[in-house]
């Protein structure tokens, strides 16, 4: 890839940890933030990986993220809790909340935690997989700054609002993680960095018409000028765009409404506050029967999906989580492709933070 460079995974991890430590995060906190961030790149999800480092740098610098902010429980029951993240780094609030949901699932069979007043937390699938790694079913959602236009509208009102679900299976865990928009904002950022036009039906301009200009759409989102990204299914209702719009609203229900926080259309409106909300759920699926048999049933179904008849010209059907697992296996002890513009941002951040940028092969 001409506009990318391969960077050793271990060196990239160390660099990111050192950057976060330079802001005042503890060694453990820096490791957690970096692990969530780098997991996206290991999965092959560039939009939510290290290319987001510049966003975190700017949000810490401007006070949107409080390095000293500590999540606090403000409401709790045996199976649920509401946490105020107090502007903490989203990854720290997220790991804290899912750990609590897992603890409650161990004790009561189910644990649910809604979080308000947080920040961008990386990929939702990281947290659902935390539960799957503990032999539980995990669910995670987050709202975000409004960048999605309701069906038949022209004003962004809903975030990318992803939904992630993960559950143990053999040989690869089931892991679904997807935005309720056609694509997340980070995908537009990648297209913009590469100077590529957006595919048709991904985004709308300020008047609500289809647009392929990534830079224009991003600027309209930043300046609240109108337009944005289409809901999952696309523009209008012909291909089910109204369904993606509805799913996005459901995420705001679980994240913002349950936590008493900000719905997507109010996120990042108040100066100095993002106000992002999350939702975490862990279920001990043993409450439905013998766990090993349930896991076998899921594994068998996934195997049947992979083995079903392929479309002409296709040789493989994937189940959710397969591509990510294979990509991670190939990159975790190797290297990660980094866009040259992202690499230049690394150099700028390293200079600003007085941190060595030793990312040579």
Foldseek 3Di string as FASTA:
>chain_A
DVQWDWFAQVLVLVLQLVLLVLLPADSVVSNQLQVLQCLCLLLVNVLQHLLCVLVVLVLSVQQQADCPFDKDWDDDDLAETEIERRRHAQSVVLVVQLVQQLVSCVVPQKHKYKYKQYDDRTFQQVSQVVQQVVQWKKKKWWWFAFFEAAAVGWFGDTAQIKIWIWHDAPPFTFIDIGGQFCHHLSVLVVCVLVVHFADWQFWAAQVRHTGRDSVRSVVCSVVRSTIGTQGPQGHHCPRHSNVSSVVRVVSCCQHCVVNVWDGNNCAPPDRSTRTMMMMMMIGNCCVVPDSVVVNHVVNVVQVCQFVDDDDPPDDTDHGHRVSSVVSSVVRVRGTGIDRNVSVVVSVVSCVVSVHDSPRDD
